[in-house]
Amino acid sequence: ATGKNAESAIKAAVMTEDNAAIVWLASQLGTPLTISEEDIAKLHHRYTNVYGQ
């Protein structure tokens, strides 16, 4: 993971691990659905402005 500093790199690593676990669990139920570009933008906004605040 990369970031402006150690804290942001750790935050990115934790999010990556969380998302990997979610995708793995979803794949156990079948093929995961694709997330729309609009939803990706909303999730990115949440990550950069809300998550871990």
PDB file of N, CA and C in Angstrom:
ATOM      1  N   ALA A   1       0.840  -1.190   0.000  1.00  0.00           N
ATOM      2  CA  ALA A   1       0.000   0.000   0.000  1.00  0.00           C
ATOM      3  C   ALA A   1       0.877   1.241   0.000  1.00  0.00           C
ATOM      4  N   THR A   2       0.370   2.273  -0.604  1.00  0.00           N
ATOM      5  CA  THR A   2       1.101   3.530  -0.633  1.00  0.00           C
ATOM      6  C   THR A   2       0.237   4.625  -0.033  1.00  0.00           C
ATOM      7  N   GLY A   3       0.902   5.697   0.349  1.00  0.00           N
ATOM      8  CA  GLY A   3       0.189   6.827   0.916  1.00  0.00           C
ATOM      9  C   GLY A   3       1.133   7.981   1.122  1.00  0.00           C
ATOM     10  N   LYS A   4       0.585   9.111   1.508  1.00  0.00           N
ATOM     11  CA  LYS A   4       1.388  10.310   1.754  1.00  0.00           C
ATOM     12  C   LYS A   4       2.296  10.127   2.956  1.00  0.00           C
ATOM     13  N   ASN A   5       1.855   9.273   3.889  1.00  0.00           N
ATOM     14  CA  ASN A   5       2.635   9.006   5.093  1.00  0.00           C
ATOM     15  C   ASN A   5       2.278   7.599   5.576  1.00  0.00           C
ATOM     16  N   ALA A   6       2.899   7.183   6.674  1.00  0.00           N
ATOM     17  CA  ALA A   6       2.664   5.829   7.182  1.00  0.00           C
ATOM     18  C   ALA A   6       1.202   5.606   7.546  1.00  0.00           C
ATOM     19  N   GLU A   7       0.569   6.600   8.142  1.00  0.00           N
ATOM     20  CA  GLU A   7      -0.831   6.451   8.548  1.00  0.00           C
ATOM     21  C   GLU A   7      -1.743   6.210   7.348  1.00  0.00           C
ATOM     22  N   SER A   8      -1.564   6.988   6.283  1.00  0.00           N
ATOM     23  CA  SER A   8      -2.428   6.807   5.113  1.00  0.00           C
ATOM     24  C   SER A   8      -2.111   5.499   4.390  1.00  0.00           C
ATOM     25  N   ALA A   9      -0.855   5.053   4.431  1.00  0.00           N
ATOM     26  CA  ALA A   9      -0.497   3.767   3.828  1.00  0.00           C
ATOM     27  C   ALA A   9      -1.144   2.619   4.594  1.00  0.00           C
ATOM     28  N   ILE A  10      -1.146   2.698   5.908  1.00  0.00           N
ATOM     29  CA  ILE A  10      -1.786   1.660   6.722  1.00  0.00           C
ATOM     30  C   ILE A  10      -3.290   1.657   6.478  1.00  0.00           C
ATOM     31  N   LYS A  11      -3.890   2.833   6.401  1.00  0.00           N
ATOM     32  CA  LYS A  11      -5.329   2.940   6.130  1.00  0.00           C
ATOM     33  C   LYS A  11      -5.666   2.273   4.795  1.00  0.00           C
ATOM     34  N   ALA A  12      -4.845   2.529   3.772  1.00  0.00           N
ATOM     35  CA  ALA A  12      -5.072   1.918   2.462  1.00  0.00           C
ATOM     36  C   ALA A  12      -4.901   0.403   2.530  1.00  0.00           C
ATOM     37  N   ALA A  13      -3.911  -0.060   3.284  1.00  0.00           N
ATOM     38  CA  ALA A  13      -3.685  -1.499   3.420  1.00  0.00           C
ATOM     39  C   ALA A  13      -4.856  -2.180   4.118  1.00  0.00           C
ATOM     40  N   VAL A  14      -5.380  -1.560   5.157  1.00  0.00           N
ATOM     41  CA  VAL A  14      -6.519  -2.127   5.886  1.00  0.00           C
ATOM     42  C   VAL A  14      -7.742  -2.191   4.979  1.00  0.00           C
ATOM     43  N   MET A  15      -7.998  -1.132   4.225  1.00  0.00           N
ATOM     44  CA  MET A  15      -9.133  -1.130   3.298  1.00  0.00           C
ATOM     45  C   MET A  15      -8.968  -2.223   2.245  1.00  0.00           C
ATOM     46  N   THR A  16      -7.745  -2.393   1.736  1.00  0.00           N
ATOM     47  CA  THR A  16      -7.483  -3.427   0.737  1.00  0.00           C
ATOM     48  C   THR A  16      -7.767  -4.808   1.311  1.00  0.00           C
ATOM     49  N   GLU A  17      -7.290  -5.062   2.515  1.00  0.00           N
ATOM     50  CA  GLU A  17      -7.542  -6.345   3.175  1.00  0.00           C
ATOM     51  C   GLU A  17      -9.035  -6.562   3.412  1.00  0.00           C
ATOM     52  N   ASP A  18      -9.735  -5.537   3.873  1.00  0.00           N
ATOM     53  CA  ASP A  18     -11.181  -5.646   4.098  1.00  0.00           C
ATOM     54  C   ASP A  18     -11.906  -5.987   2.797  1.00  0.00           C
ATOM     55  N   ASN A  19     -11.546  -5.288   1.732  1.00  0.00           N
ATOM     56  CA  ASN A  19     -12.199  -5.529   0.447  1.00  0.00           C
ATOM     57  C   ASN A  19     -11.863  -6.908  -0.103  1.00  0.00           C
ATOM     58  N   ALA A  20     -10.630  -7.358   0.082  1.00  0.00           N
ATOM     59  CA  ALA A  20     -10.250  -8.698  -0.366  1.00  0.00           C
ATOM     60  C   ALA A  20     -11.075  -9.757   0.358  1.00  0.00           C
ATOM     61  N   ALA A  21     -11.285  -9.573   1.651  1.00  0.00           N
ATOM     62  CA  ALA A  21     -12.097 -10.522   2.419  1.00  0.00           C
ATOM     63  C   ALA A  21     -13.540 -10.529   1.927  1.00  0.00           C
ATOM     64  N   ILE A  22     -14.068  -9.352   1.634  1.00  0.00           N
ATOM     65  CA  ILE A  22     -15.447  -9.250   1.142  1.00  0.00           C
ATOM     66  C   ILE A  22     -15.588  -9.950  -0.207  1.00  0.00           C
ATOM     67  N   VAL A  23     -14.643  -9.711  -1.120  1.00  0.00           N
ATOM     68  CA  VAL A  23     -14.702 -10.337  -2.442  1.00  0.00           C
ATOM     69  C   VAL A  23     -14.564 -11.851  -2.315  1.00  0.00           C
ATOM     70  N   TRP A  24     -13.667 -12.311  -1.456  1.00  0.00           N
ATOM     71  CA  TRP A  24     -13.496 -13.750  -1.269  1.00  0.00           C
ATOM     72  C   TRP A  24     -14.786 -14.379  -0.741  1.00  0.00           C
ATOM     73  N   LEU A  25     -15.375 -13.750   0.278  1.00  0.00           N
ATOM     74  CA  LEU A  25     -16.626 -14.283   0.825  1.00  0.00           C
ATOM     75  C   LEU A  25     -17.740 -14.266  -0.221  1.00  0.00           C
ATOM     76  N   ALA A  26     -17.839 -13.193  -0.975  1.00  0.00           N
ATOM     77  CA  ALA A  26     -18.864 -13.102  -2.019  1.00  0.00           C
ATOM     78  C   ALA A  26     -18.655 -14.178  -3.079  1.00  0.00           C
ATOM     79  N   SER A  27     -17.399 -14.468  -3.409  1.00  0.00           N
ATOM     80  CA  SER A  27     -17.120 -15.482  -4.428  1.00  0.00           C
ATOM     81  C   SER A  27     -17.517 -16.879  -3.957  1.00  0.00           C
ATOM     82  N   GLN A  28     -17.615 -17.077  -2.648  1.00  0.00           N
ATOM     83  CA  GLN A  28     -18.064 -18.365  -2.126  1.00  0.00           C
ATOM     84  C   GLN A  28     -19.550 -18.588  -2.403  1.00  0.00           C
ATOM     85  N   LEU A  29     -20.280 -17.500  -2.636  1.00  0.00           N
ATOM     86  CA  LEU A  29     -21.711 -17.576  -2.937  1.00  0.00           C
ATOM     87  C   LEU A  29     -21.996 -17.622  -4.433  1.00  0.00           C
ATOM     88  N   GLY A  30     -20.993 -17.349  -5.244  1.00  0.00           N
ATOM     89  CA  GLY A  30     -21.155 -17.316  -6.693  1.00  0.00           C
ATOM     90  C   GLY A  30     -20.310 -16.186  -7.254  1.00  0.00           C
ATOM     91  N   THR A  31     -20.586 -15.786  -8.466  1.00  0.00           N
ATOM     92  CA  THR A  31     -19.834 -14.707  -9.098  1.00  0.00           C
ATOM     93  C   THR A  31     -20.258 -13.370  -8.503  1.00  0.00           C
ATOM     94  N   PRO A  32     -19.301 -12.618  -7.923  1.00  0.00           N
ATOM     95  CA  PRO A  32     -19.656 -11.308  -7.360  1.00  0.00           C
ATOM     96  C   PRO A  32     -20.163 -10.362  -8.453  1.00  0.00           C
ATOM     97  N   LEU A  33     -21.085  -9.485  -8.089  1.00  0.00           N
ATOM     98  CA  LEU A  33     -21.614  -8.498  -9.023  1.00  0.00           C
ATOM     99  C   LEU A  33     -20.605  -7.375  -9.231  1.00  0.00           C
ATOM    100  N   THR A  34     -20.635  -6.781 -10.409  1.00  0.00           N
ATOM    101  CA  THR A  34     -19.773  -5.649 -10.716  1.00  0.00           C
ATOM    102  C   THR A  34     -20.361  -4.386 -10.095  1.00  0.00           C
ATOM    103  N   ILE A  35     -19.496  -3.547  -9.542  1.00  0.00           N
ATOM    104  CA  ILE A  35     -19.928  -2.283  -8.943  1.00  0.00           C
ATOM    105  C   ILE A  35     -19.907  -1.207 -10.028  1.00  0.00           C
ATOM    106  N   SER A  36     -20.960  -0.419 -10.122  1.00  0.00           N
ATOM    107  CA  SER A  36     -21.043   0.628 -11.145  1.00  0.00           C
ATOM    108  C   SER A  36     -20.026   1.734 -10.869  1.00  0.00           C
ATOM    109  N   GLU A  37     -19.682   2.475 -11.908  1.00  0.00           N
ATOM    110  CA  GLU A  37     -18.752   3.601 -11.767  1.00  0.00           C
ATOM    111  C   GLU A  37     -19.288   4.621 -10.763  1.00  0.00           C
ATOM    112  N   GLU A  38     -20.600   4.849 -10.791  1.00  0.00           N
ATOM    113  CA  GLU A  38     -21.222   5.798  -9.856  1.00  0.00           C
ATOM    114  C   GLU A  38     -21.041   5.326  -8.408  1.00  0.00           C
ATOM    115  N   ASP A  39     -21.275   4.040  -8.178  1.00  0.00           N
ATOM    116  CA  ASP A  39     -21.105   3.507  -6.825  1.00  0.00           C
ATOM    117  C   ASP A  39     -19.638   3.528  -6.394  1.00  0.00           C
ATOM    118  N   ILE A  40     -18.735   3.277  -7.336  1.00  0.00           N
ATOM    119  CA  ILE A  40     -17.306   3.352  -7.021  1.00  0.00           C
ATOM    120  C   ILE A  40     -16.954   4.765  -6.572  1.00  0.00           C
ATOM    121  N   ALA A  41     -17.473   5.771  -7.275  1.00  0.00           N
ATOM    122  CA  ALA A  41     -17.205   7.164  -6.904  1.00  0.00           C
ATOM    123  C   ALA A  41     -17.752   7.466  -5.508  1.00  0.00           C
ATOM    124  N   LYS A  42     -18.955   6.969  -5.207  1.00  0.00           N
ATOM    125  CA  LYS A  42     -19.537   7.179  -3.877  1.00  0.00           C
ATOM    126  C   LYS A  42     -18.697   6.498  -2.798  1.00  0.00           C
ATOM    127  N   LEU A  43     -18.260   5.274  -3.074  1.00  0.00           N
ATOM    128  CA  LEU A  43     -17.440   4.547  -2.106  1.00  0.00           C
ATOM    129  C   LEU A  43     -16.087   5.225  -1.905  1.00  0.00           C
ATOM    130  N   HIS A  44     -15.515   5.744  -2.995  1.00  0.00           N
ATOM    131  CA  HIS A  44     -14.241   6.453  -2.881  1.00  0.00           C
ATOM    132  C   HIS A  44     -14.408   7.699  -2.021  1.00  0.00           C
ATOM    133  N   HIS A  45     -15.507   8.417  -2.233  1.00  0.00           N
ATOM    134  CA  HIS A  45     -15.785   9.602  -1.419  1.00  0.00           C
ATOM    135  C   HIS A  45     -15.897   9.213   0.055  1.00  0.00           C
ATOM    136  N   ARG A  46     -16.598   8.127   0.327  1.00  0.00           N
ATOM    137  CA  ARG A  46     -16.752   7.657   1.714  1.00  0.00           C
ATOM    138  C   ARG A  46     -15.389   7.310   2.308  1.00  0.00           C
ATOM    139  N   TYR A  47     -14.564   6.618   1.532  1.00  0.00           N
ATOM    140  CA  TYR A  47     -13.231   6.225   2.008  1.00  0.00           C
ATOM    141  C   TYR A  47     -12.368   7.444   2.323  1.00  0.00           C
ATOM    142  N   THR A  48     -12.386   8.422   1.422  1.00  0.00           N
ATOM    143  CA  THR A  48     -11.494   9.569   1.600  1.00  0.00           C
ATOM    144  C   THR A  48     -12.017  10.601   2.587  1.00  0.00           C
ATOM    145  N   ASN A  49     -13.326  10.606   2.857  1.00  0.00           N
ATOM    146  CA  ASN A  49     -13.892  11.649   3.712  1.00  0.00           C
ATOM    147  C   ASN A  49     -14.562  11.164   4.997  1.00  0.00           C
ATOM    148  N   VAL A  50     -14.860   9.867   5.091  1.00  0.00           N
ATOM    149  CA  VAL A  50     -15.615   9.379   6.245  1.00  0.00           C
ATOM    150  C   VAL A  50     -14.900   8.232   6.949  1.00  0.00           C
ATOM    151  N   TYR A  51     -14.472   7.231   6.192  1.00  0.00           N
ATOM    152  CA  TYR A  51     -13.927   5.996   6.752  1.00  0.00           C
ATOM    153  C   TYR A  51     -12.737   6.281   7.662  1.00  0.00           C
ATOM    154  N   GLY A  52     -12.817   5.804   8.886  1.00  0.00           N
ATOM    155  CA  GLY A  52     -11.707   5.943   9.824  1.00  0.00           C
ATOM    156  C   GLY A  52     -11.548   7.322  10.432  1.00  0.00           C
ATOM    157  N   GLN A  53     -12.508   8.196  10.214  1.00  0.00           N
ATOM    158  CA  GLN A  53     -12.386   9.555  10.748  1.00  0.00           C
ATOM    159  C   GLN A  53     -12.753   9.588  12.203  1.00  0.00           C
TER     160      GLN A  53
END
